[in-house]
Amino acid sequence: MNPRDVIALKPCPFCGGEADHIEGSRIVECVTCHGGFYEGSEAEAIAAWNRRAEPASGHTIVGPADMEAEDLDSRMKAAGMIPLSDLLAGNTPLEKWMAHTSVRDLDTFEAWLMMKHREFMTMRMGYELGDKDQSDELFEWVFAHSAAFGEVVSNFRAMKERSAAAPKPAALTQEKTAEGGEVMSFEWVRKNYNVPAKRGGRIEYTGGRKPELGTITSASGGRLNIRLDSAKRSVPFHPTWELRYLEGDTQ
């Protein structure tokens, strides 16, 4: 019997929105703000959600201050856990090992983000298309990560679009070059990133599960458009992100 046929899900305690869960999974989530619970079984997830969920009066946002009575940090310390405040602040032994050494600015962060998003979405599609069994113990881990990275990517793209639409001082406007009128062309990429990028140049992409060869097809917006040998079309890459330039090797 489906646990939800017996137990109704209460409204989200954070925004008052409707709650839902993936049938057969161990996740209960708000469809509005995406706050959620992950437990050992479907029934446990629903029970845990309803234990903490109370209708939010007037859809008032419930923040950390409203949870002080539970003294979450103290409870976590008593359980031998790193307190939530330290986890959120990055004060953990693993923090320095979790940060990718190539992430130095927003450009390289974007390259890392897109790489991880593609990695988890590719794995997720394997399950969605039936190449892998969804009863596999990694399915929910892959699904959750793909959804989380997807949400970050959506907000990052929205931020870039809004930022691009905002008026900019003339001094910050990138100049156009004579080569095809491209903004931030090959010349700009070579000068600013000190890489031997050129149209038709061959590269080795080392950010995937295994190295892949590809060809540089164009440059735009400070990115190199590269068609990997295994792909039908070009996709943008950051000029210094997990790329090895094979100088002298052109198609």
Protein backbone atom coordinates (compact mmCIF):
# COMPACT_ATOMS: atom_id res chain seq x y z
CA MET A 1 0.00 0.00 0.00
CA ASN A 2 1.26 3.47 -0.85
CA PRO A 3 1.91 5.31 2.47
CA ARG A 4 0.47 8.46 0.99
CA ASP A 5 -2.90 6.77 0.48
CA VAL A 6 -3.20 6.68 4.27
CA ILE A 7 -1.20 9.69 5.49
CA ALA A 8 -1.79 13.16 4.04
CA LEU A 9 1.20 15.45 3.71
CA LYS A 10 1.00 18.64 5.76
CA PRO A 11 1.82 22.05 4.21
CA CYS A 12 5.44 23.18 4.03
CA PRO A 13 6.62 24.76 7.32
CA PHE A 14 8.77 27.26 5.42
CA CYS A 15 6.37 28.74 2.86
CA GLY A 16 3.02 27.02 3.40
CA GLY A 17 3.17 25.43 -0.04
CA GLU A 18 1.93 22.00 -1.06
CA ALA A 19 4.19 19.03 -0.33
CA ASP A 20 4.81 16.11 -2.64
CA HIS A 21 7.05 13.10 -2.91
CA ILE A 22 8.47 10.90 -5.63
CA GLU A 23 6.43 7.70 -5.48
CA GLY A 24 8.51 4.84 -4.19
CA SER A 25 11.33 7.14 -3.10
CA ARG A 26 12.50 8.33 0.31
CA ILE A 27 12.13 12.06 -0.43
CA VAL A 28 9.35 14.47 0.56
CA GLU A 29 9.66 17.96 -0.92
CA CYS A 30 7.77 21.26 -1.12
CA VAL A 31 6.81 21.96 -4.73
CA THR A 32 7.19 25.71 -4.14
CA CYS A 33 10.40 26.30 -2.18
CA HIS A 34 11.85 22.77 -2.54
CA GLY A 35 12.54 22.32 1.16
CA GLY A 36 12.53 18.60 1.83
CA PHE A 37 13.22 15.49 3.89
CA TYR A 38 15.20 12.37 3.03
CA GLU A 39 14.73 9.33 5.27
CA GLY A 40 15.29 5.58 5.33
CA SER A 41 11.95 4.71 3.72
CA GLU A 42 9.00 6.37 2.04
CA ALA A 43 6.83 6.01 5.15
CA GLU A 44 9.59 7.41 7.40
CA ALA A 45 10.08 10.41 5.10
CA ILE A 46 6.35 11.22 5.20
CA ALA A 47 6.22 10.78 8.98
CA ALA A 48 9.32 12.96 9.46
CA TRP A 49 7.86 15.66 7.23
CA ASN A 50 4.56 15.71 9.11
CA ARG A 51 6.30 15.78 12.52
CA ARG A 52 8.00 19.06 11.65
CA ALA A 53 5.41 20.52 9.30
CA GLU A 54 2.88 23.00 10.60
CA PRO A 55 0.85 25.30 8.37
CA ALA A 56 2.65 28.62 7.95
CA SER A 57 0.26 31.36 9.02
CA GLY A 58 -0.17 33.75 6.14
CA HIS A 59 2.62 31.93 4.30
CA THR A 60 5.18 33.48 6.63
CA ILE A 61 8.74 32.33 5.99
CA VAL A 62 10.10 30.33 8.90
CA GLY A 63 13.81 31.08 9.32
CA PRO A 64 16.61 29.89 11.60
CA ALA A 65 15.48 32.22 14.39
CA ASP A 66 12.21 30.30 14.63
CA MET A 67 14.10 27.07 15.21
CA GLU A 68 16.30 28.33 18.07
CA ALA A 69 14.12 26.58 20.63
CA GLU A 70 15.25 23.25 19.25
CA ASP A 71 18.88 24.25 19.80
CA LEU A 72 19.94 22.29 16.76
CA ASP A 73 23.65 22.94 17.20
CA SER A 74 23.65 21.55 20.74
CA ARG A 75 21.74 18.46 19.68
CA MET A 76 24.17 17.81 16.86
CA LYS A 77 27.17 18.24 19.15
CA ALA A 78 25.63 15.85 21.66
CA ALA A 79 25.22 13.32 18.88
CA GLY A 80 28.90 13.63 17.98
CA MET A 81 28.16 15.61 14.82
CA ILE A 82 29.66 18.80 13.46
CA PRO A 83 27.09 21.52 14.34
CA LEU A 84 25.00 23.00 11.55
CA SER A 85 26.47 26.49 12.07
CA ASP A 86 29.96 25.13 11.33
CA LEU A 87 28.72 23.15 8.33
CA LEU A 88 27.12 26.27 6.86
CA ALA A 89 30.22 28.38 7.55
CA GLY A 90 32.54 25.80 6.00
CA ASN A 91 34.35 25.10 9.26
CA THR A 92 34.90 21.41 8.61
CA PRO A 93 38.03 19.27 8.12
CA LEU A 94 36.97 18.39 4.56
CA GLU A 95 36.21 21.92 3.40
CA LYS A 96 39.59 22.57 1.78
CA TRP A 97 39.47 19.23 -0.04
CA MET A 98 36.01 19.91 -1.45
CA ALA A 99 37.03 23.09 -3.26
CA HIS A 100 38.31 22.47 -6.79
CA THR A 101 41.78 23.97 -7.31
CA SER A 102 40.81 25.37 -10.73
CA VAL A 103 37.97 27.52 -9.34
CA ARG A 104 39.49 30.99 -9.04
CA ASP A 105 36.73 33.39 -10.13
CA LEU A 106 33.16 33.45 -11.44
CA ASP A 107 34.27 32.29 -14.87
CA THR A 108 36.02 29.19 -13.58
CA PHE A 109 33.18 28.58 -11.10
CA GLU A 110 30.75 28.61 -14.01
CA ALA A 111 32.91 26.13 -15.91
CA TRP A 112 33.03 23.82 -12.86
CA LEU A 113 29.28 24.19 -12.29
CA MET A 114 28.42 23.33 -15.90
CA MET A 115 30.77 20.34 -15.81
CA LYS A 116 29.11 18.92 -12.66
CA HIS A 117 25.63 19.63 -14.00
CA ARG A 118 26.37 17.78 -17.22
CA GLU A 119 28.00 14.91 -15.30
CA PHE A 120 24.97 14.28 -13.06
CA MET A 121 22.39 14.91 -15.77
CA THR A 122 24.17 12.39 -18.01
CA MET A 123 24.08 9.80 -15.21
CA ARG A 124 20.42 10.61 -14.48
CA MET A 125 19.43 10.14 -18.13
CA GLY A 126 20.93 6.66 -17.97
CA TYR A 127 18.32 5.81 -15.35
CA GLU A 128 15.51 7.71 -17.09
CA LEU A 129 16.13 5.89 -20.39
CA GLY A 130 16.25 2.49 -18.74
CA ASP A 131 19.97 1.90 -19.26
CA LYS A 132 20.26 1.53 -15.48
CA ASP A 133 17.82 0.08 -12.98
CA GLN A 134 16.15 2.72 -10.79
CA SER A 135 16.23 0.28 -7.90
CA ASP A 136 20.00 0.81 -7.92
CA GLU A 137 21.06 2.24 -4.55
CA LEU A 138 22.73 5.19 -6.32
CA PHE A 139 19.59 6.33 -8.18
CA GLU A 140 18.28 8.69 -5.52
CA TRP A 141 21.78 10.09 -4.93
CA VAL A 142 22.16 10.84 -8.65
CA PHE A 143 18.61 12.22 -8.90
CA ALA A 144 19.09 14.54 -5.92
CA HIS A 145 22.44 15.82 -7.16
CA SER A 146 21.16 16.45 -10.69
CA ALA A 147 18.19 18.40 -9.28
CA ALA A 148 20.39 20.44 -6.94
CA PHE A 149 22.93 21.33 -9.61
CA GLY A 150 20.07 22.09 -12.01
CA GLU A 151 18.60 24.62 -9.61
CA VAL A 152 21.98 26.31 -9.08
CA VAL A 153 22.56 26.45 -12.84
CA SER A 154 19.13 28.01 -13.43
CA ASN A 155 19.78 30.74 -10.87
CA PHE A 156 23.32 31.32 -12.13
CA ARG A 157 22.03 31.77 -15.68
CA ALA A 158 19.32 34.14 -14.46
CA MET A 159 21.94 36.17 -12.60
CA LYS A 160 24.07 36.43 -15.75
CA GLU A 161 21.09 37.49 -17.88
CA ARG A 162 20.04 40.17 -15.41
CA SER A 163 23.62 41.35 -15.04
CA ALA A 164 24.05 41.54 -18.83
CA ALA A 165 20.83 43.54 -19.16
CA ALA A 166 21.94 46.10 -16.57
CA PRO A 167 23.62 49.28 -17.91
CA LYS A 168 27.41 49.13 -17.76
CA PRO A 169 29.97 51.95 -17.70
CA ALA A 170 31.60 52.48 -21.08
CA ALA A 171 35.02 51.64 -19.60
CA LEU A 172 33.81 48.11 -18.80
CA THR A 173 32.45 47.36 -22.29
CA GLN A 174 34.50 44.76 -24.16
CA GLU A 175 35.72 46.03 -27.50
CA LYS A 176 34.95 44.24 -30.73
CA THR A 177 37.76 42.98 -32.92
CA ALA A 178 38.11 43.11 -36.66
CA GLU A 179 38.04 39.32 -36.90
CA GLY A 180 34.40 38.65 -37.76
CA GLY A 181 33.31 41.38 -35.34
CA GLU A 182 33.45 38.83 -32.48
CA VAL A 183 33.27 40.12 -28.93
CA MET A 184 36.17 38.77 -26.87
CA SER A 185 37.59 36.85 -29.84
CA PHE A 186 40.57 34.50 -30.14
CA GLU A 187 42.94 37.44 -29.76
CA TRP A 188 41.20 38.48 -26.54
CA VAL A 189 41.27 34.89 -25.20
CA ARG A 190 44.99 34.46 -26.03
CA LYS A 191 45.87 37.79 -24.41
CA ASN A 192 43.80 37.42 -21.23
CA TYR A 193 44.24 33.70 -20.55
CA ASN A 194 47.70 33.17 -22.07
CA VAL A 195 46.65 30.09 -24.04
CA PRO A 196 47.42 29.19 -27.69
CA ALA A 197 43.76 29.15 -28.74
CA LYS A 198 43.01 29.30 -32.46
CA ARG A 199 40.30 28.26 -34.84
CA GLY A 200 40.83 24.63 -35.85
CA GLY A 201 43.21 24.03 -32.95
CA ARG A 202 43.06 20.65 -31.30
CA ILE A 203 42.58 20.18 -27.57
CA GLU A 204 42.23 17.42 -25.02
CA TYR A 205 39.43 17.86 -22.51
CA THR A 206 40.36 16.21 -19.21
CA GLY A 207 37.36 17.17 -17.06
CA GLY A 208 35.22 14.11 -17.85
CA ARG A 209 35.42 10.50 -16.84
CA LYS A 210 38.09 9.99 -19.47
CA PRO A 211 40.08 12.40 -21.69
CA GLU A 212 38.41 13.44 -24.94
CA LEU A 213 39.88 15.10 -28.03
CA GLY A 214 38.15 17.99 -29.74
CA THR A 215 38.48 20.88 -32.17
CA ILE A 216 38.12 24.61 -31.44
CA THR A 217 35.48 26.00 -33.80
CA SER A 218 35.06 29.61 -32.63
CA ALA A 219 35.41 32.07 -29.76
CA SER A 220 32.67 34.18 -28.25
CA GLY A 221 32.01 35.91 -24.95
CA GLY A 222 35.37 34.88 -23.55
CA ARG A 223 34.63 31.21 -24.18
CA LEU A 224 35.94 28.73 -26.71
CA ASN A 225 33.35 26.79 -28.64
CA ILE A 226 34.70 23.26 -28.97
CA ARG A 227 33.31 20.26 -30.79
CA LEU A 228 34.45 17.10 -29.07
CA ASP A 229 35.18 14.26 -31.46
CA SER A 230 32.36 12.27 -29.86
CA ALA A 231 29.81 15.11 -30.28
CA LYS A 232 27.82 16.44 -33.22
CA ARG A 233 27.95 20.12 -32.25
CA SER A 234 30.15 22.59 -30.44
CA VAL A 235 29.66 23.62 -26.82
CA PRO A 236 31.34 26.46 -24.86
CA PHE A 237 34.35 25.78 -22.65
CA HIS A 238 36.34 28.09 -20.40
CA PRO A 239 39.81 28.58 -21.99
CA THR A 240 41.70 27.35 -18.90
CA TRP A 241 39.27 24.77 -17.54
CA GLU A 242 40.55 21.19 -17.85
CA LEU A 243 41.86 21.80 -21.38
CA ARG A 244 45.23 20.74 -22.77
CA TYR A 245 46.16 22.49 -25.99
CA LEU A 246 47.75 20.26 -28.61
CA GLU A 247 49.83 22.91 -30.33
CA GLY A 248 50.55 22.29 -33.99
CA ASP A 249 47.75 19.69 -34.24
CA THR A 250 44.94 20.94 -36.49
CA GLN A 251 42.35 19.26 -38.61
